[in-house]
Amino acid sequence: MIMIEDMIGGGTGLYTLSEAAKYARMSPITLSRWFKGDGYCERVFSLEESKVINFLDFVQALAVRNLRLHYKVPLQKIRDAVDRAVKEFNITHPFAHKHITYLFEKEIWIQPAGKEIVQISGKQHHQAGFTTVIEGFYKDISFDPKTGFADKYRAYHRGSHEIVMNPKMRFGEPILDDCGYTPEALFEAAKTEGSIESAAKIYGVSKEQVEICVEYFDYLEAA
């Protein structure tokens, strides 16, 4: 069992389901169902007794949101794919690993290390595929070159400014990467001081840096 102390010390990020839902721009009820299940929906992922999730769990939630929202993949197919990845290939967090999971014609495929791509959802699971016709899902995720697992998420950007979530920095809380402040700090400063200009002066940052933080929170709320 992964303990909270291990998650903090290991730089894995740490989020309550409510926090993760906010950063993923989705309903807390939906995210809770994916990790815990209820009378309406079976769980998709397992949640430890700590009732918190780590950065890789968060990335997997982003992947499922993307599959559901943009590709209309049924939740049962996603659930089956996750279960088969763990039980048949011993691959944990399959959606948080570079070039392991793919989508083709609303079916989910997996490529175990050193093996061919195999379908793991739907009735034709275990069918072999070809890399050239498989579509990857990620564009804002960076991966550790040694482990292949996700190590950073670009949550929002404008111009040269980026808001990122890095499990090794502030327990994975979003930060504005070119100054180190959290978007929440600059956003709250703008509200408290009554203007973006005043907040920028107090924190010693540019007007544009405060603006992107205000935009980011508007972006989260818009979901």
Foldseek 3Di string as FASTA:
>chain_A
DDDPVNLLVVLFFKAALVRLCLLLLHDSVVSCCQAPNDPVHHHLHHDDPVRIDTPLSSQLVNVVCCCCPPVVQDSVQSSQQQVCCCPVVVDHSQSFFPPAWWDAPSWIWGAHPPGFIFTRGDPRTRDGDDPVRTHDDDDQFDADPVPRGTAKGFSDDDDPWTWMFGSNQPSRQTATVVPGHHLVQLLVLCVVVVHLVVSCVVVVHDSVSSVRSVVSSVVSVVD
